[in-house]
Amino acid sequence: MLGSVRAQVKRSLVVRAETETTQQVDVEKVVKDLQDKWDKVENKTGVIVYGSGALVALWLASTVVGALNNLPLLPKLFELVGLGYSAWFTYRYLLFKSSREELIEDIESLKKKIGGEQ
């Protein structure tokens, strides 16, 4: 009986492994797209400075949050703030259809601003 259970487990594992799909990324296309976008940039030094500054700010923020996380009471407070914000966001943008449409419009306008279409 134990052998049949093991055989069933092995079969289910094999089936799960066979059903997984992997997505192929065309690296050459991605590199070409990035090169085209980089060639279109007029102020390359500004992009490098802002990008470097963003990385430094991200590192600094990570360091500060890591230090605050080591204090005994603050991690629970962070969880409470995150839970409260998630509840507010759900109520504000996801609960009603008109709010969801407003959120979609905001995201689309942000994508246009970032993409340079606006």
PDB file of N, CA and C in Angstrom:
ATOM      1  N   MET A   1       0.816  -1.190   0.000  1.00  0.00           N
ATOM      2  CA  MET A   1       0.000   0.000   0.000  1.00  0.00           C
ATOM      3  C   MET A   1       0.869   1.267   0.000  1.00  0.00           C
ATOM      4  N   LEU A   2       1.935   1.230   0.760  1.00  0.00           N
ATOM      5  CA  LEU A   2       2.823   2.388   0.805  1.00  0.00           C
ATOM      6  C   LEU A   2       3.464   2.625  -0.559  1.00  0.00           C
ATOM      7  N   GLY A   3       3.789   1.546  -1.270  1.00  0.00           N
ATOM      8  CA  GLY A   3       4.371   1.675  -2.601  1.00  0.00           C
ATOM      9  C   GLY A   3       3.414   2.327  -3.580  1.00  0.00           C
ATOM     10  N   SER A   4       2.118   2.036  -3.484  1.00  0.00           N
ATOM     11  CA  SER A   4       1.146   2.640  -4.401  1.00  0.00           C
ATOM     12  C   SER A   4       0.969   4.123  -4.118  1.00  0.00           C
ATOM     13  N   VAL A   5       1.063   4.517  -2.847  1.00  0.00           N
ATOM     14  CA  VAL A   5       0.968   5.934  -2.499  1.00  0.00           C
ATOM     15  C   VAL A   5       2.161   6.690  -3.065  1.00  0.00           C
ATOM     16  N   ARG A   6       3.346   6.100  -2.955  1.00  0.00           N
ATOM     17  CA  ARG A   6       4.541   6.738  -3.511  1.00  0.00           C
ATOM     18  C   ARG A   6       4.433   6.864  -5.023  1.00  0.00           C
ATOM     19  N   ALA A   7       3.912   5.830  -5.660  1.00  0.00           N
ATOM     20  CA  ALA A   7       3.752   5.875  -7.116  1.00  0.00           C
ATOM     21  C   ALA A   7       2.781   6.976  -7.516  1.00  0.00           C
ATOM     22  N   GLN A   8       1.700   7.158  -6.731  1.00  0.00           N
ATOM     23  CA  GLN A   8       0.743   8.228  -7.035  1.00  0.00           C
ATOM     24  C   GLN A   8       1.377   9.592  -6.859  1.00  0.00           C
ATOM     25  N   VAL A   9       2.164   9.745  -5.814  1.00  0.00           N
ATOM     26  CA  VAL A   9       2.837  11.017  -5.582  1.00  0.00           C
ATOM     27  C   VAL A   9       3.813  11.305  -6.710  1.00  0.00           C
ATOM     28  N   LYS A  10       4.578  10.319  -7.122  1.00  0.00           N
ATOM     29  CA  LYS A  10       5.531  10.516  -8.204  1.00  0.00           C
ATOM     30  C   LYS A  10       4.816  10.884  -9.497  1.00  0.00           C
ATOM     31  N   ARG A  11       3.696  10.224  -9.783  1.00  0.00           N
ATOM     32  CA  ARG A  11       2.963  10.539 -10.999  1.00  0.00           C
ATOM     33  C   ARG A  11       2.435  11.970 -10.965  1.00  0.00           C
ATOM     34  N   SER A  12       1.917  12.392  -9.815  1.00  0.00           N
ATOM     35  CA  SER A  12       1.384  13.751  -9.751  1.00  0.00           C
ATOM     36  C   SER A  12       2.494  14.782  -9.889  1.00  0.00           C
ATOM     37  N   LEU A  13       3.658  14.474  -9.361  1.00  0.00           N
ATOM     38  CA  LEU A  13       4.776  15.393  -9.502  1.00  0.00           C
ATOM     39  C   LEU A  13       5.231  15.478 -10.947  1.00  0.00           C
ATOM     40  N   VAL A  14       5.253  14.362 -11.641  1.00  0.00           N
ATOM     41  CA  VAL A  14       5.664  14.360 -13.038  1.00  0.00           C
ATOM     42  C   VAL A  14       4.674  15.149 -13.874  1.00  0.00           C
ATOM     43  N   VAL A  15       3.386  14.997 -13.595  1.00  0.00           N
ATOM     44  CA  VAL A  15       2.361  15.720 -14.352  1.00  0.00           C
ATOM     45  C   VAL A  15       2.506  17.213 -14.128  1.00  0.00           C
ATOM     46  N   ARG A  16       2.742  17.626 -12.891  1.00  0.00           N
ATOM     47  CA  ARG A  16       2.897  19.047 -12.608  1.00  0.00           C
ATOM     48  C   ARG A  16       4.134  19.613 -13.313  1.00  0.00           C
ATOM     49  N   ALA A  17       5.196  18.830 -13.335  1.00  0.00           N
ATOM     50  CA  ALA A  17       6.417  19.300 -13.985  1.00  0.00           C
ATOM     51  C   ALA A  17       6.211  19.437 -15.486  1.00  0.00           C
ATOM     52  N   GLU A  18       5.406  18.572 -16.071  1.00  0.00           N
ATOM     53  CA  GLU A  18       5.178  18.630 -17.497  1.00  0.00           C
ATOM     54  C   GLU A  18       4.228  19.749 -17.883  1.00  0.00           C
ATOM     55  N   THR A  19       3.355  20.176 -16.966  1.00  0.00           N
ATOM     56  CA  THR A  19       2.385  21.206 -17.316  1.00  0.00           C
ATOM     57  C   THR A  19       2.938  22.614 -17.149  1.00  0.00           C
ATOM     58  N   GLU A  20       4.093  22.751 -16.535  1.00  0.00           N
ATOM     59  CA  GLU A  20       4.663  24.085 -16.381  1.00  0.00           C
ATOM     60  C   GLU A  20       5.125  24.610 -17.735  1.00  0.00           C
ATOM     61  N   THR A  21       4.897  25.884 -17.958  1.00  0.00           N
ATOM     62  CA  THR A  21       5.330  26.490 -19.209  1.00  0.00           C
ATOM     63  C   THR A  21       6.398  27.528 -18.911  1.00  0.00           C
ATOM     64  N   THR A  22       7.308  27.644 -19.827  1.00  0.00           N
ATOM     65  CA  THR A  22       8.344  28.667 -19.700  1.00  0.00           C
ATOM     66  C   THR A  22       8.176  29.659 -20.838  1.00  0.00           C
ATOM     67  N   GLN A  23       8.399  30.911 -20.531  1.00  0.00           N
ATOM     68  CA  GLN A  23       8.277  31.938 -21.545  1.00  0.00           C
ATOM     69  C   GLN A  23       9.668  32.261 -22.086  1.00  0.00           C
ATOM     70  N   GLN A  24       9.758  32.342 -23.401  1.00  0.00           N
ATOM     71  CA  GLN A  24      11.019  32.652 -24.038  1.00  0.00           C
ATOM     72  C   GLN A  24      11.121  34.163 -24.237  1.00  0.00           C
ATOM     73  N   VAL A  25      12.263  34.711 -23.928  1.00  0.00           N
ATOM     74  CA  VAL A  25      12.504  36.131 -24.111  1.00  0.00           C
ATOM     75  C   VAL A  25      13.510  36.291 -25.249  1.00  0.00           C
ATOM     76  N   ASP A  26      13.150  37.114 -26.212  1.00  0.00           N
ATOM     77  CA  ASP A  26      14.054  37.379 -27.328  1.00  0.00           C
ATOM     78  C   ASP A  26      15.019  38.471 -26.890  1.00  0.00           C
ATOM     79  N   VAL A  27      16.196  38.059 -26.460  1.00  0.00           N
ATOM     80  CA  VAL A  27      17.176  38.976 -25.894  1.00  0.00           C
ATOM     81  C   VAL A  27      17.629  39.996 -26.933  1.00  0.00           C
ATOM     82  N   GLU A  28      17.817  39.563 -28.145  1.00  0.00           N
ATOM     83  CA  GLU A  28      18.277  40.484 -29.188  1.00  0.00           C
ATOM     84  C   GLU A  28      17.265  41.594 -29.420  1.00  0.00           C
ATOM     85  N   LYS A  29      15.984  41.249 -29.396  1.00  0.00           N
ATOM     86  CA  LYS A  29      14.946  42.260 -29.607  1.00  0.00           C
ATOM     87  C   LYS A  29      14.922  43.258 -28.452  1.00  0.00           C
ATOM     88  N   VAL A  30      15.055  42.753 -27.229  1.00  0.00           N
ATOM     89  CA  VAL A  30      15.055  43.630 -26.057  1.00  0.00           C
ATOM     90  C   VAL A  30      16.251  44.579 -26.105  1.00  0.00           C
ATOM     91  N   VAL A  31      17.416  44.057 -26.437  1.00  0.00           N
ATOM     92  CA  VAL A  31      18.621  44.888 -26.512  1.00  0.00           C
ATOM     93  C   VAL A  31      18.474  45.932 -27.612  1.00  0.00           C
ATOM     94  N   LYS A  32      17.925  45.534 -28.751  1.00  0.00           N
ATOM     95  CA  LYS A  32      17.738  46.473 -29.863  1.00  0.00           C
ATOM     96  C   LYS A  32      16.752  47.571 -29.479  1.00  0.00           C
ATOM     97  N   ASP A  33      15.650  47.194 -28.790  1.00  0.00           N
ATOM     98  CA  ASP A  33      14.690  48.204 -28.340  1.00  0.00           C
ATOM     99  C   ASP A  33      15.330  49.182 -27.360  1.00  0.00           C
ATOM    100  N   LEU A  34      16.131  48.659 -26.433  1.00  0.00           N
ATOM    101  CA  LEU A  34      16.810  49.535 -25.476  1.00  0.00           C
ATOM    102  C   LEU A  34      17.808  50.457 -26.170  1.00  0.00           C
ATOM    103  N   GLN A  35      18.528  49.935 -27.151  1.00  0.00           N
ATOM    104  CA  GLN A  35      19.476  50.771 -27.892  1.00  0.00           C
ATOM    105  C   GLN A  35      18.751  51.859 -28.669  1.00  0.00           C
ATOM    106  N   ASP A  36      17.610  51.520 -29.277  1.00  0.00           N
ATOM    107  CA  ASP A  36      16.835  52.522 -30.013  1.00  0.00           C
ATOM    108  C   ASP A  36      16.334  53.625 -29.077  1.00  0.00           C
ATOM    109  N   LYS A  37      15.837  53.219 -27.912  1.00  0.00           N
ATOM    110  CA  LYS A  37      15.358  54.223 -26.953  1.00  0.00           C
ATOM    111  C   LYS A  37      16.508  55.085 -26.443  1.00  0.00           C
ATOM    112  N   TRP A  38      17.666  54.466 -26.198  1.00  0.00           N
ATOM    113  CA  TRP A  38      18.822  55.223 -25.718  1.00  0.00           C
ATOM    114  C   TRP A  38      19.307  56.204 -26.779  1.00  0.00           C
ATOM    115  N   ASP A  39      19.253  55.804 -28.034  1.00  0.00           N
ATOM    116  CA  ASP A  39      19.674  56.697 -29.118  1.00  0.00           C
ATOM    117  C   ASP A  39      18.742  57.894 -29.262  1.00  0.00           C
ATOM    118  N   LYS A  40      17.477  57.746 -28.889  1.00  0.00           N
ATOM    119  CA  LYS A  40      16.511  58.840 -28.988  1.00  0.00           C
ATOM    120  C   LYS A  40      16.650  59.852 -27.847  1.00  0.00           C
ATOM    121  N   VAL A  41      17.334  59.467 -26.775  1.00  0.00           N
ATOM    122  CA  VAL A  41      17.498  60.359 -25.629  1.00  0.00           C
ATOM    123  C   VAL A  41      18.446  61.482 -26.002  1.00  0.00           C
ATOM    124  N   GLU A  42      18.023  62.728 -25.750  1.00  0.00           N
ATOM    125  CA  GLU A  42      18.855  63.881 -26.073  1.00  0.00           C
ATOM    126  C   GLU A  42      19.844  64.202 -24.957  1.00  0.00           C
ATOM    127  N   ASN A  43      19.386  64.165 -23.710  1.00  0.00           N
ATOM    128  CA  ASN A  43      20.209  64.545 -22.570  1.00  0.00           C
ATOM    129  C   ASN A  43      20.664  63.278 -21.838  1.00  0.00           C
ATOM    130  N   LYS A  44      21.664  62.621 -22.379  1.00  0.00           N
ATOM    131  CA  LYS A  44      22.123  61.356 -21.816  1.00  0.00           C
ATOM    132  C   LYS A  44      22.761  61.537 -20.438  1.00  0.00           C
ATOM    133  N   THR A  45      23.490  62.619 -20.243  1.00  0.00           N
ATOM    134  CA  THR A  45      24.124  62.830 -18.933  1.00  0.00           C
ATOM    135  C   THR A  45      23.072  63.047 -17.857  1.00  0.00           C
ATOM    136  N   GLY A  46      22.005  63.748 -18.189  1.00  0.00           N
ATOM    137  CA  GLY A  46      20.927  63.954 -17.223  1.00  0.00           C
ATOM    138  C   GLY A  46      20.266  62.649 -16.829  1.00  0.00           C
ATOM    139  N   VAL A  47      20.062  61.777 -17.811  1.00  0.00           N
ATOM    140  CA  VAL A  47      19.464  60.472 -17.523  1.00  0.00           C
ATOM    141  C   VAL A  47      20.385  59.662 -16.619  1.00  0.00           C
ATOM    142  N   ILE A  48      21.680  59.705 -16.883  1.00  0.00           N
ATOM    143  CA  ILE A  48      22.635  58.964 -16.060  1.00  0.00           C
ATOM    144  C   ILE A  48      22.667  59.518 -14.641  1.00  0.00           C
ATOM    145  N   VAL A  49      22.664  60.846 -14.512  1.00  0.00           N
ATOM    146  CA  VAL A  49      22.694  61.463 -13.182  1.00  0.00           C
ATOM    147  C   VAL A  49      21.420  61.129 -12.415  1.00  0.00           C
ATOM    148  N   TYR A  50      20.252  61.279 -13.045  1.00  0.00           N
ATOM    149  CA  TYR A  50      18.994  60.970 -12.362  1.00  0.00           C
ATOM    150  C   TYR A  50      18.899  59.484 -12.029  1.00  0.00           C
ATOM    151  N   GLY A  51      19.346  58.617 -12.932  1.00  0.00           N
ATOM    152  CA  GLY A  51      19.320  57.182 -12.661  1.00  0.00           C
ATOM    153  C   GLY A  51      20.227  56.816 -11.500  1.00  0.00           C
ATOM    154  N   SER A  52      21.409  57.394 -11.465  1.00  0.00           N
ATOM    155  CA  SER A  52      22.340  57.134 -10.359  1.00  0.00           C
ATOM    156  C   SER A  52      21.777  57.656  -9.051  1.00  0.00           C
ATOM    157  N   GLY A  53      21.193  58.841  -9.101  1.00  0.00           N
ATOM    158  CA  GLY A  53      20.571  59.401  -7.904  1.00  0.00           C
ATOM    159  C   GLY A  53      19.422  58.539  -7.397  1.00  0.00           C
ATOM    160  N   ALA A  54      18.639  57.988  -8.329  1.00  0.00           N
ATOM    161  CA  ALA A  54      17.539  57.110  -7.935  1.00  0.00           C
ATOM    162  C   ALA A  54      18.068  55.842  -7.272  1.00  0.00           C
ATOM    163  N   LEU A  55      19.154  55.291  -7.808  1.00  0.00           N
ATOM    164  CA  LEU A  55      19.738  54.093  -7.192  1.00  0.00           C
ATOM    165  C   LEU A  55      20.281  54.381  -5.798  1.00  0.00           C
ATOM    166  N   VAL A  56      20.931  55.530  -5.633  1.00  0.00           N
ATOM    167  CA  VAL A  56      21.442  55.909  -4.317  1.00  0.00           C
ATOM    168  C   VAL A  56      20.288  56.124  -3.341  1.00  0.00           C
ATOM    169  N   ALA A  57      19.218  56.783  -3.788  1.00  0.00           N
ATOM    170  CA  ALA A  57      18.055  57.005  -2.928  1.00  0.00           C
ATOM    171  C   ALA A  57      17.402  55.687  -2.539  1.00  0.00           C
ATOM    172  N   LEU A  58      17.331  54.759  -3.476  1.00  0.00           N
ATOM    173  CA  LEU A  58      16.760  53.446  -3.181  1.00  0.00           C
ATOM    174  C   LEU A  58      17.608  52.698  -2.166  1.00  0.00           C
ATOM    175  N   TRP A  59      18.919  52.746  -2.333  1.00  0.00           N
ATOM    176  CA  TRP A  59      19.817  52.104  -1.370  1.00  0.00           C
ATOM    177  C   TRP A  59      19.670  52.732   0.010  1.00  0.00           C
ATOM    178  N   LEU A  60      19.618  54.063   0.061  1.00  0.00           N
ATOM    179  CA  LEU A  60      19.493  54.765   1.330  1.00  0.00           C
ATOM    180  C   LEU A  60      18.166  54.439   2.011  1.00  0.00           C
ATOM    181  N   ALA A  61      17.084  54.428   1.235  1.00  0.00           N
ATOM    182  CA  ALA A  61      15.780  54.097   1.808  1.00  0.00           C
ATOM    183  C   ALA A  61      15.764  52.667   2.329  1.00  0.00           C
ATOM    184  N   SER A  62      16.391  51.759   1.604  1.00  0.00           N
ATOM    185  CA  SER A  62      16.465  50.371   2.054  1.00  0.00           C
ATOM    186  C   SER A  62      17.237  50.259   3.363  1.00  0.00           C
ATOM    187  N   THR A  63      18.305  51.021   3.482  1.00  0.00           N
ATOM    188  CA  THR A  63      19.105  51.007   4.701  1.00  0.00           C
ATOM    189  C   THR A  63      18.311  51.552   5.884  1.00  0.00           C
ATOM    190  N   VAL A  64      17.607  52.648   5.675  1.00  0.00           N
ATOM    191  CA  VAL A  64      16.815  53.260   6.753  1.00  0.00           C
ATOM    192  C   VAL A  64      15.690  52.325   7.183  1.00  0.00           C
ATOM    193  N   VAL A  65      14.983  51.742   6.225  1.00  0.00           N
ATOM    194  CA  VAL A  65      13.888  50.834   6.572  1.00  0.00           C
ATOM    195  C   VAL A  65      14.432  49.592   7.275  1.00  0.00           C
ATOM    196  N   GLY A  66      15.573  49.092   6.839  1.00  0.00           N
ATOM    197  CA  GLY A  66      16.186  47.948   7.516  1.00  0.00           C
ATOM    198  C   GLY A  66      16.555  48.275   8.952  1.00  0.00           C
ATOM    199  N   ALA A  67      17.078  49.479   9.186  1.00  0.00           N
ATOM    200  CA  ALA A  67      17.428  49.879  10.553  1.00  0.00           C
ATOM    201  C   ALA A  67      16.175  50.038  11.410  1.00  0.00           C
ATOM    202  N   LEU A  68      15.127  50.632  10.838  1.00  0.00           N
ATOM    203  CA  LEU A  68      13.885  50.797  11.596  1.00  0.00           C
ATOM    204  C   LEU A  68      13.211  49.456  11.866  1.00  0.00           C
ATOM    205  N   ASN A  69      13.409  48.508  10.961  1.00  0.00           N
ATOM    206  CA  ASN A  69      12.801  47.193  11.118  1.00  0.00           C
ATOM    207  C   ASN A  69      13.395  46.444  12.303  1.00  0.00           C
ATOM    208  N   ASN A  70      14.620  46.803  12.695  1.00  0.00           N
ATOM    209  CA  ASN A  70      15.262  46.137  13.831  1.00  0.00           C
ATOM    210  C   ASN A  70      14.764  46.657  15.169  1.00  0.00           C
ATOM    211  N   LEU A  71      14.070  47.793  15.187  1.00  0.00           N
ATOM    212  CA  LEU A  71      13.491  48.291  16.430  1.00  0.00           C
ATOM    213  C   LEU A  71      12.280  47.438  16.781  1.00  0.00           C
ATOM    214  N   PRO A  72      12.056  47.152  18.061  1.00  0.00           N
ATOM    215  CA  PRO A  72      11.049  46.164  18.449  1.00  0.00           C
ATOM    216  C   PRO A  72       9.609  46.491  18.049  1.00  0.00           C
ATOM    217  N   LEU A  73       9.161  47.719  18.180  1.00  0.00           N
ATOM    218  CA  LEU A  73       7.748  48.024  17.981  1.00  0.00           C
ATOM    219  C   LEU A  73       7.420  48.433  16.548  1.00  0.00           C
ATOM    220  N   LEU A  74       8.374  48.975  15.831  1.00  0.00           N
ATOM    221  CA  LEU A  74       8.088  49.549  14.515  1.00  0.00           C
ATOM    222  C   LEU A  74       7.650  48.561  13.436  1.00  0.00           C
ATOM    223  N   PRO A  75       8.165  47.320  13.380  1.00  0.00           N
ATOM    224  CA  PRO A  75       7.672  46.427  12.326  1.00  0.00           C
ATOM    225  C   PRO A  75       6.166  46.188  12.391  1.00  0.00           C
ATOM    226  N   LYS A  76       5.620  46.049  13.579  1.00  0.00           N
ATOM    227  CA  LYS A  76       4.165  45.864  13.727  1.00  0.00           C
ATOM    228  C   LYS A  76       3.423  47.135  13.318  1.00  0.00           C
ATOM    229  N   LEU A  77       4.000  48.290  13.622  1.00  0.00           N
ATOM    230  CA  LEU A  77       3.389  49.549  13.206  1.00  0.00           C
ATOM    231  C   LEU A  77       3.399  49.670  11.682  1.00  0.00           C
ATOM    232  N   PHE A  78       4.516  49.268  11.044  1.00  0.00           N
ATOM    233  CA  PHE A  78       4.582  49.270   9.580  1.00  0.00           C
ATOM    234  C   PHE A  78       3.523  48.351   8.982  1.00  0.00           C
ATOM    235  N   GLU A  79       3.340  47.181   9.587  1.00  0.00           N
ATOM    236  CA  GLU A  79       2.316  46.255   9.097  1.00  0.00           C
ATOM    237  C   GLU A  79       0.929  46.875   9.230  1.00  0.00           C
ATOM    238  N   LEU A  80       0.679  47.560  10.326  1.00  0.00           N
ATOM    239  CA  LEU A  80      -0.612  48.190  10.548  1.00  0.00           C
ATOM    240  C   LEU A  80      -0.853  49.319   9.546  1.00  0.00           C
ATOM    241  N   VAL A  81       0.177  50.123   9.297  1.00  0.00           N
ATOM    242  CA  VAL A  81       0.058  51.195   8.306  1.00  0.00           C
ATOM    243  C   VAL A  81      -0.180  50.610   6.915  1.00  0.00           C
ATOM    244  N   GLY A  82       0.537  49.552   6.566  1.00  0.00           N
ATOM    245  CA  GLY A  82       0.351  48.899   5.274  1.00  0.00           C
ATOM    246  C   GLY A  82      -1.040  48.305   5.133  1.00  0.00           C
ATOM    247  N   LEU A  83      -1.542  47.698   6.176  1.00  0.00           N
ATOM    248  CA  LEU A  83      -2.892  47.140   6.145  1.00  0.00           C
ATOM    249  C   LEU A  83      -3.925  48.245   5.997  1.00  0.00           C
ATOM    250  N   GLY A  84      -3.731  49.346   6.711  1.00  0.00           N
ATOM    251  CA  GLY A  84      -4.653  50.476   6.599  1.00  0.00           C
ATOM    252  C   GLY A  84      -4.634  51.082   5.204  1.00  0.00           C
ATOM    253  N   TYR A  85      -3.451  51.240   4.636  1.00  0.00           N
ATOM    254  CA  TYR A  85      -3.368  51.799   3.286  1.00  0.00           C
ATOM    255  C   TYR A  85      -3.995  50.859   2.267  1.00  0.00           C
ATOM    256  N   SER A  86      -3.771  49.570   2.419  1.00  0.00           N
ATOM    257  CA  SER A  86      -4.368  48.599   1.501  1.00  0.00           C
ATOM    258  C   SER A  86      -5.888  48.639   1.581  1.00  0.00           C
ATOM    259  N   ALA A  87      -6.419  48.755   2.793  1.00  0.00           N
ATOM    260  CA  ALA A  87      -7.873  48.845   2.956  1.00  0.00           C
ATOM    261  C   ALA A  87      -8.398  50.133   2.315  1.00  0.00           C
ATOM    262  N   TRP A  88      -7.710  51.251   2.533  1.00  0.00           N
ATOM    263  CA  TRP A  88      -8.140  52.520   1.931  1.00  0.00           C
ATOM    264  C   TRP A  88      -8.094  52.448   0.414  1.00  0.00           C
ATOM    265  N   PHE A  89      -7.005  51.885  -0.146  1.00  0.00           N
ATOM    266  CA  PHE A  89      -6.863  51.782  -1.593  1.00  0.00           C
ATOM    267  C   PHE A  89      -7.975  50.921  -2.177  1.00  0.00           C
ATOM    268  N   THR A  90      -8.278  49.816  -1.510  1.00  0.00           N
ATOM    269  CA  THR A  90      -9.355  48.944  -1.978  1.00  0.00           C
ATOM    270  C   THR A  90     -10.678  49.680  -1.961  1.00  0.00           C
ATOM    271  N   TYR A  91     -10.963  50.394  -0.868  1.00  0.00           N
ATOM    272  CA  TYR A  91     -12.218  51.147  -0.782  1.00  0.00           C
ATOM    273  C   TYR A  91     -12.256  52.266  -1.816  1.00  0.00           C
ATOM    274  N   ARG A  92     -11.133  52.951  -1.992  1.00  0.00           N
ATOM    275  CA  ARG A  92     -11.107  54.123  -2.867  1.00  0.00           C
ATOM    276  C   ARG A  92     -11.147  53.771  -4.348  1.00  0.00           C
ATOM    277  N   TYR A  93     -10.414  52.733  -4.750  1.00  0.00           N
ATOM    278  CA  TYR A  93     -10.244  52.477  -6.177  1.00  0.00           C
ATOM    279  C   TYR A  93     -10.825  51.160  -6.687  1.00  0.00           C
ATOM    280  N   LEU A  94     -11.019  50.175  -5.843  1.00  0.00           N
ATOM    281  CA  LEU A  94     -11.378  48.858  -6.350  1.00  0.00           C
ATOM    282  C   LEU A  94     -12.812  48.436  -6.054  1.00  0.00           C
ATOM    283  N   LEU A  95     -13.465  49.066  -5.115  1.00  0.00           N
ATOM    284  CA  LEU A  95     -14.773  48.590  -4.670  1.00  0.00           C
ATOM    285  C   LEU A  95     -15.887  48.927  -5.650  1.00  0.00           C
ATOM    286  N   PHE A  96     -15.857  50.113  -6.227  1.00  0.00           N
ATOM    287  CA  PHE A  96     -16.937  50.563  -7.095  1.00  0.00           C
ATOM    288  C   PHE A  96     -16.448  50.676  -8.540  1.00  0.00           C
ATOM    289  N   LYS A  97     -17.364  50.448  -9.470  1.00  0.00           N
ATOM    290  CA  LYS A  97     -17.008  50.439 -10.889  1.00  0.00           C
ATOM    291  C   LYS A  97     -16.492  51.806 -11.350  1.00  0.00           C
ATOM    292  N   SER A  98     -17.138  52.893 -10.914  1.00  0.00           N
ATOM    293  CA  SER A  98     -16.693  54.220 -11.336  1.00  0.00           C
ATOM    294  C   SER A  98     -15.276  54.511 -10.829  1.00  0.00           C
ATOM    295  N   SER A  99     -14.961  54.037  -9.632  1.00  0.00           N
ATOM    296  CA  SER A  99     -13.615  54.232  -9.093  1.00  0.00           C
ATOM    297  C   SER A  99     -12.592  53.422  -9.865  1.00  0.00           C
ATOM    298  N   ARG A 100     -12.967  52.203 -10.263  1.00  0.00           N
ATOM    299  CA  ARG A 100     -12.049  51.388 -11.055  1.00  0.00           C
ATOM    300  C   ARG A 100     -11.774  52.046 -12.400  1.00  0.00           C
ATOM    301  N   GLU A 101     -12.816  52.621 -13.013  1.00  0.00           N
ATOM    302  CA  GLU A 101     -12.624  53.311 -14.289  1.00  0.00           C
ATOM    303  C   GLU A 101     -11.712  54.523 -14.117  1.00  0.00           C
ATOM    304  N   GLU A 102     -11.868  55.236 -13.002  1.00  0.00           N
ATOM    305  CA  GLU A 102     -11.005  56.383 -12.717  1.00  0.00           C
ATOM    306  C   GLU A 102      -9.550  55.931 -12.557  1.00  0.00           C
ATOM    307  N   LEU A 103      -9.356  54.812 -11.861  1.00  0.00           N
ATOM    308  CA  LEU A 103      -8.003  54.278 -11.682  1.00  0.00           C
ATOM    309  C   LEU A 103      -7.399  53.884 -13.021  1.00  0.00           C
ATOM    310  N   ILE A 104      -8.178  53.256 -13.883  1.00  0.00           N
ATOM    311  CA  ILE A 104      -7.687  52.870 -15.203  1.00  0.00           C
ATOM    312  C   ILE A 104      -7.301  54.101 -16.009  1.00  0.00           C
ATOM    313  N   GLU A 105      -8.109  55.154 -15.952  1.00  0.00           N
ATOM    314  CA  GLU A 105      -7.784  56.395 -16.661  1.00  0.00           C
ATOM    315  C   GLU A 105      -6.490  57.004 -16.129  1.00  0.00           C
ATOM    316  N   ASP A 106      -6.329  57.004 -14.804  1.00  0.00           N
ATOM    317  CA  ASP A 106      -5.110  57.549 -14.207  1.00  0.00           C
ATOM    318  C   ASP A 106      -3.880  56.750 -14.646  1.00  0.00           C
ATOM    319  N   ILE A 107      -4.003  55.441 -14.677  1.00  0.00           N
ATOM    320  CA  ILE A 107      -2.874  54.600 -15.087  1.00  0.00           C
ATOM    321  C   ILE A 107      -2.543  54.838 -16.554  1.00  0.00           C
ATOM    322  N   GLU A 108      -3.577  54.943 -17.393  1.00  0.00           N
ATOM    323  CA  GLU A 108      -3.335  55.180 -18.820  1.00  0.00           C
ATOM    324  C   GLU A 108      -2.661  56.540 -19.050  1.00  0.00           C
ATOM    325  N   SER A 109      -3.111  57.579 -18.333  1.00  0.00           N
ATOM    326  CA  SER A 109      -2.478  58.896 -18.500  1.00  0.00           C
ATOM    327  C   SER A 109      -1.032  58.870 -18.002  1.00  0.00           C
ATOM    328  N   LEU A 110      -0.773  58.121 -16.928  1.00  0.00           N
ATOM    329  CA  LEU A 110       0.599  57.999 -16.432  1.00  0.00           C
ATOM    330  C   LEU A 110       1.475  57.274 -17.441  1.00  0.00           C
ATOM    331  N   LYS A 111       0.937  56.217 -18.069  1.00  0.00           N
ATOM    332  CA  LYS A 111       1.696  55.492 -19.078  1.00  0.00           C
ATOM    333  C   LYS A 111       1.998  56.401 -20.270  1.00  0.00           C
ATOM    334  N   LYS A 112       1.052  57.267 -20.648  1.00  0.00           N
ATOM    335  CA  LYS A 112       1.296  58.184 -21.740  1.00  0.00           C
ATOM    336  C   LYS A 112       2.371  59.202 -21.385  1.00  0.00           C
ATOM    337  N   LYS A 113       2.348  59.705 -20.140  1.00  0.00           N
ATOM    338  CA  LYS A 113       3.358  60.657 -19.717  1.00  0.00           C
ATOM    339  C   LYS A 113       4.736  60.034 -19.701  1.00  0.00           C
ATOM    340  N   ILE A 114       4.827  58.806 -19.203  1.00  0.00           N
ATOM    341  CA  ILE A 114       6.117  58.133 -19.138  1.00  0.00           C
ATOM    342  C   ILE A 114       6.617  57.792 -20.535  1.00  0.00           C
ATOM    343  N   GLY A 115       5.720  57.353 -21.398  1.00  0.00           N
ATOM    344  CA  GLY A 115       6.090  56.989 -22.754  1.00  0.00           C
ATOM    345  C   GLY A 115       6.375  58.177 -23.650  1.00  0.00           C
ATOM    346  N   GLY A 116       6.076  59.380 -23.201  1.00  0.00           N
ATOM    347  CA  GLY A 116       6.356  60.570 -23.975  1.00  0.00           C
ATOM    348  C   GLY A 116       5.312  60.882 -25.028  1.00  0.00           C
ATOM    349  N   GLU A 117       4.129  60.302 -24.892  1.00  0.00           N
ATOM    350  CA  GLU A 117       3.067  60.545 -25.868  1.00  0.00           C
ATOM    351  C   GLU A 117       2.251  61.788 -25.542  1.00  0.00           C
ATOM    352  N   GLN A 118       2.466  62.354 -24.376  1.00  0.00           N
ATOM    353  CA  GLN A 118       1.642  63.488 -23.970  1.00  0.00           C
ATOM    354  C   GLN A 118       2.448  64.741 -23.808  1.00  0.00           C
TER     355      GLN A 118
END
